[in-house]
Amino acid sequence: MLNHIGRKSGLPRQTVLEVVRHDAATDAYVVAAAWGEKSHWFCNIQKISEVVVHVQGRRFEATAVRLSVEEGERELFDYARRHPMAFGELTGLLMGERLKGAEEDCRRLAQMIPLVAFRPREAKG
């Protein structure tokens, strides 16, 4: 679950997101804004990137960083390789056609759907 601040209201907001990948080396979580750049949570983190993430029973402060299209393409290609059935189902829902997960498919999808990494902030100390 993502805790973030509303860009207009300044009020706390919560959104449940699906994790594309967890990077064990950096402890970052990568997610996709499946409904595109107009997703409210996505718009909110573009204005205020400091967030709180709750995942698998833990809570941590993080900074939301939008990935480049090229980084997004690599993440989606990796996801499609690891979860081909889920990739096909999700692209069917989002795009009206089931993509196979080829590099070209992932490039096209990454141009439409932004990906974000939630990177833990270092404790102040």
C-alpha atoms as a PDB file:
ATOM      1  CA  MET A   1       0.000   0.000   0.000  1.00  0.00           C
ATOM      2  CA  LEU A   2       1.197   3.475  -0.883  1.00  0.00           C
ATOM      3  CA  ASN A   3       0.606   6.417   1.460  1.00  0.00           C
ATOM      4  CA  HIS A   4       0.970   9.698  -0.415  1.00  0.00           C
ATOM      5  CA  ILE A   5      -0.204  13.324  -0.228  1.00  0.00           C
ATOM      6  CA  GLY A   6      -2.924  14.739  -2.469  1.00  0.00           C
ATOM      7  CA  ARG A   7      -1.441  17.281  -4.867  1.00  0.00           C
ATOM      8  CA  LYS A   8      -4.423  19.654  -4.596  1.00  0.00           C
ATOM      9  CA  SER A   9      -5.868  18.936  -1.148  1.00  0.00           C
ATOM     10  CA  GLY A  10      -2.638  18.287   0.738  1.00  0.00           C
ATOM     11  CA  LEU A  11      -4.484  15.471   2.518  1.00  0.00           C
ATOM     12  CA  PRO A  12      -3.130  11.967   3.093  1.00  0.00           C
ATOM     13  CA  ARG A  13      -4.159   9.397   0.484  1.00  0.00           C
ATOM     14  CA  GLN A  14      -3.763   5.625   0.254  1.00  0.00           C
ATOM     15  CA  THR A  15      -3.569   3.427  -2.822  1.00  0.00           C
ATOM     16  CA  VAL A  16      -3.018  -0.300  -3.189  1.00  0.00           C
ATOM     17  CA  LEU A  17      -0.600  -1.064  -6.023  1.00  0.00           C
ATOM     18  CA  GLU A  18       0.685  -4.220  -7.690  1.00  0.00           C
ATOM     19  CA  VAL A  19       4.450  -4.686  -7.468  1.00  0.00           C
ATOM     20  CA  VAL A  20       6.201  -5.421 -10.762  1.00  0.00           C
ATOM     21  CA  ARG A  21       9.520  -6.226  -9.089  1.00  0.00           C
ATOM     22  CA  HIS A  22      11.388  -5.891  -5.812  1.00  0.00           C
ATOM     23  CA  ASP A  23      15.088  -5.105  -6.175  1.00  0.00           C
ATOM     24  CA  ALA A  24      16.683  -6.937  -3.255  1.00  0.00           C
ATOM     25  CA  ALA A  25      20.016  -5.107  -3.702  1.00  0.00           C
ATOM     26  CA  THR A  26      18.519  -1.611  -3.276  1.00  0.00           C
ATOM     27  CA  ASP A  27      15.258  -2.593  -1.518  1.00  0.00           C
ATOM     28  CA  ALA A  28      13.347  -0.577  -4.141  1.00  0.00           C
ATOM     29  CA  TYR A  29       9.890  -1.604  -5.334  1.00  0.00           C
ATOM     30  CA  VAL A  30       8.893  -1.036  -8.959  1.00  0.00           C
ATOM     31  CA  VAL A  31       5.224  -0.507  -9.843  1.00  0.00           C
ATOM     32  CA  ALA A  32       3.331   0.425 -13.002  1.00  0.00           C
ATOM     33  CA  ALA A  33       0.725   3.181 -13.250  1.00  0.00           C
ATOM     34  CA  ALA A  34      -1.627   0.868 -15.125  1.00  0.00           C
ATOM     35  CA  TRP A  35      -4.172   3.593 -15.910  1.00  0.00           C
ATOM     36  CA  GLY A  36      -1.460   5.891 -17.215  1.00  0.00           C
ATOM     37  CA  GLU A  37      -0.352   9.381 -16.327  1.00  0.00           C
ATOM     38  CA  LYS A  38      -3.832  10.417 -15.226  1.00  0.00           C
ATOM     39  CA  SER A  39      -3.865   8.005 -12.278  1.00  0.00           C
ATOM     40  CA  HIS A  40      -4.450  10.174  -9.227  1.00  0.00           C
ATOM     41  CA  TRP A  41      -1.705   8.528  -7.179  1.00  0.00           C
ATOM     42  CA  PHE A  42       0.737   8.993 -10.066  1.00  0.00           C
ATOM     43  CA  CYS A  43      -0.124  12.698 -10.394  1.00  0.00           C
ATOM     44  CA  ASN A  44       0.243  13.105  -6.633  1.00  0.00           C
ATOM     45  CA  ILE A  45       3.729  11.598  -6.460  1.00  0.00           C
ATOM     46  CA  GLN A  46       4.871  13.781  -9.356  1.00  0.00           C
ATOM     47  CA  LYS A  47       4.250  16.773  -7.096  1.00  0.00           C
ATOM     48  CA  ILE A  48       5.251  15.291  -3.727  1.00  0.00           C
ATOM     49  CA  SER A  49       7.633  12.367  -4.175  1.00  0.00           C
ATOM     50  CA  GLU A  50       8.098  11.565  -0.480  1.00  0.00           C
ATOM     51  CA  VAL A  51       5.830   8.624   0.345  1.00  0.00           C
ATOM     52  CA  VAL A  52       5.382   5.791   2.830  1.00  0.00           C
ATOM     53  CA  VAL A  53       5.220   2.217   1.564  1.00  0.00           C
ATOM     54  CA  HIS A  54       3.652  -0.738   3.378  1.00  0.00           C
ATOM     55  CA  VAL A  55       4.630  -4.125   1.979  1.00  0.00           C
ATOM     56  CA  GLN A  56       4.759  -7.615   3.459  1.00  0.00           C
ATOM     57  CA  GLY A  57       4.228  -6.404   7.016  1.00  0.00           C
ATOM     58  CA  ARG A  58       6.822  -3.654   6.937  1.00  0.00           C
ATOM     59  CA  ARG A  59       6.598   0.108   6.618  1.00  0.00           C
ATOM     60  CA  PHE A  60       9.267   2.429   5.244  1.00  0.00           C
ATOM     61  CA  GLU A  61       9.684   5.964   3.984  1.00  0.00           C
ATOM     62  CA  ALA A  62      10.568   6.161   0.311  1.00  0.00           C
ATOM     63  CA  THR A  63      11.094   8.532  -2.580  1.00  0.00           C
ATOM     64  CA  ALA A  64       9.066   7.901  -5.728  1.00  0.00           C
ATOM     65  CA  VAL A  65      11.164   8.101  -8.895  1.00  0.00           C
ATOM     66  CA  ARG A  66       9.643   7.827 -12.361  1.00  0.00           C
ATOM     67  CA  LEU A  67      11.629   5.456 -14.541  1.00  0.00           C
ATOM     68  CA  SER A  68      12.668   6.414 -18.055  1.00  0.00           C
ATOM     69  CA  VAL A  69      10.844   4.718 -20.925  1.00  0.00           C
ATOM     70  CA  GLU A  70      13.954   2.606 -21.513  1.00  0.00           C
ATOM     71  CA  GLU A  71      14.082   1.508 -17.853  1.00  0.00           C
ATOM     72  CA  GLY A  72      10.354   0.796 -17.963  1.00  0.00           C
ATOM     73  CA  GLU A  73      10.787  -1.291 -21.090  1.00  0.00           C
ATOM     74  CA  ARG A  74      13.461  -3.407 -19.375  1.00  0.00           C
ATOM     75  CA  GLU A  75      11.277  -3.865 -16.278  1.00  0.00           C
ATOM     76  CA  LEU A  76       8.266  -4.895 -18.371  1.00  0.00           C
ATOM     77  CA  PHE A  77      10.354  -7.283 -20.476  1.00  0.00           C
ATOM     78  CA  ASP A  78      11.694  -8.903 -17.311  1.00  0.00           C
ATOM     79  CA  TYR A  79       8.161  -9.126 -15.878  1.00  0.00           C
ATOM     80  CA  ALA A  80       6.827 -10.671 -19.105  1.00  0.00           C
ATOM     81  CA  ARG A  81       9.638 -13.239 -19.035  1.00  0.00           C
ATOM     82  CA  ARG A  82       8.929 -14.162 -15.381  1.00  0.00           C
ATOM     83  CA  HIS A  83       5.106 -14.014 -15.612  1.00  0.00           C
ATOM     84  CA  PRO A  84       4.031 -14.600 -19.235  1.00  0.00           C
ATOM     85  CA  MET A  85       0.424 -15.536 -18.421  1.00  0.00           C
ATOM     86  CA  ALA A  86      -0.101 -12.524 -16.133  1.00  0.00           C
ATOM     87  CA  PHE A  87       1.532 -10.225 -18.692  1.00  0.00           C
ATOM     88  CA  GLY A  88      -0.873 -11.423 -21.378  1.00  0.00           C
ATOM     89  CA  GLU A  89      -3.900 -11.029 -19.104  1.00  0.00           C
ATOM     90  CA  LEU A  90      -2.902  -7.556 -17.929  1.00  0.00           C
ATOM     91  CA  THR A  91      -2.165  -6.256 -21.404  1.00  0.00           C
ATOM     92  CA  GLY A  92      -5.479  -7.684 -22.565  1.00  0.00           C
ATOM     93  CA  LEU A  93      -7.277  -5.656 -19.895  1.00  0.00           C
ATOM     94  CA  LEU A  94      -5.269  -2.479 -20.366  1.00  0.00           C
ATOM     95  CA  MET A  95      -4.843  -2.435 -24.126  1.00  0.00           C
ATOM     96  CA  GLY A  96      -7.621  -4.624 -25.457  1.00  0.00           C
ATOM     97  CA  GLU A  97      -5.118  -7.109 -26.856  1.00  0.00           C
ATOM     98  CA  ARG A  98      -2.971  -9.770 -25.238  1.00  0.00           C
ATOM     99  CA  LEU A  99       0.672  -8.984 -25.886  1.00  0.00           C
ATOM    100  CA  LYS A 100       3.240 -11.768 -25.932  1.00  0.00           C
ATOM    101  CA  GLY A 101       6.022  -9.949 -24.092  1.00  0.00           C
ATOM    102  CA  ALA A 102       8.414  -9.448 -26.981  1.00  0.00           C
ATOM    103  CA  GLU A 103      10.806  -6.511 -26.692  1.00  0.00           C
ATOM    104  CA  GLU A 104       8.702  -4.528 -29.161  1.00  0.00           C
ATOM    105  CA  ASP A 105       5.557  -5.198 -27.058  1.00  0.00           C
ATOM    106  CA  CYS A 106       7.304  -4.015 -23.908  1.00  0.00           C
ATOM    107  CA  ARG A 107       8.629  -0.896 -25.662  1.00  0.00           C
ATOM    108  CA  ARG A 108       5.116  -0.011 -26.820  1.00  0.00           C
ATOM    109  CA  LEU A 109       3.653  -0.637 -23.373  1.00  0.00           C
ATOM    110  CA  ALA A 110       6.383   1.373 -21.604  1.00  0.00           C
ATOM    111  CA  GLN A 111       5.519   4.364 -23.787  1.00  0.00           C
ATOM    112  CA  MET A 112       1.912   4.195 -22.578  1.00  0.00           C
ATOM    113  CA  ILE A 113       2.289   3.140 -18.956  1.00  0.00           C
ATOM    114  CA  PRO A 114       4.734   4.907 -16.665  1.00  0.00           C
ATOM    115  CA  LEU A 115       6.725   2.862 -14.172  1.00  0.00           C
ATOM    116  CA  VAL A 116       7.841   4.139 -10.784  1.00  0.00           C
ATOM    117  CA  ALA A 117      10.474   2.950  -8.342  1.00  0.00           C
ATOM    118  CA  PHE A 118       9.864   3.509  -4.637  1.00  0.00           C
ATOM    119  CA  ARG A 119      13.360   3.796  -3.195  1.00  0.00           C
ATOM    120  CA  PRO A 120      13.815   3.727   0.590  1.00  0.00           C
ATOM    121  CA  ARG A 121      15.004   6.988   2.096  1.00  0.00           C
ATOM    122  CA  GLU A 122      17.969   6.772   4.379  1.00  0.00           C
ATOM    123  CA  ALA A 123      17.253   7.240   8.062  1.00  0.00           C
ATOM    124  CA  LYS A 124      18.301  10.605   9.416  1.00  0.00           C
ATOM    125  CA  GLY A 125      20.577  10.168  12.136  1.00  0.00           C
END
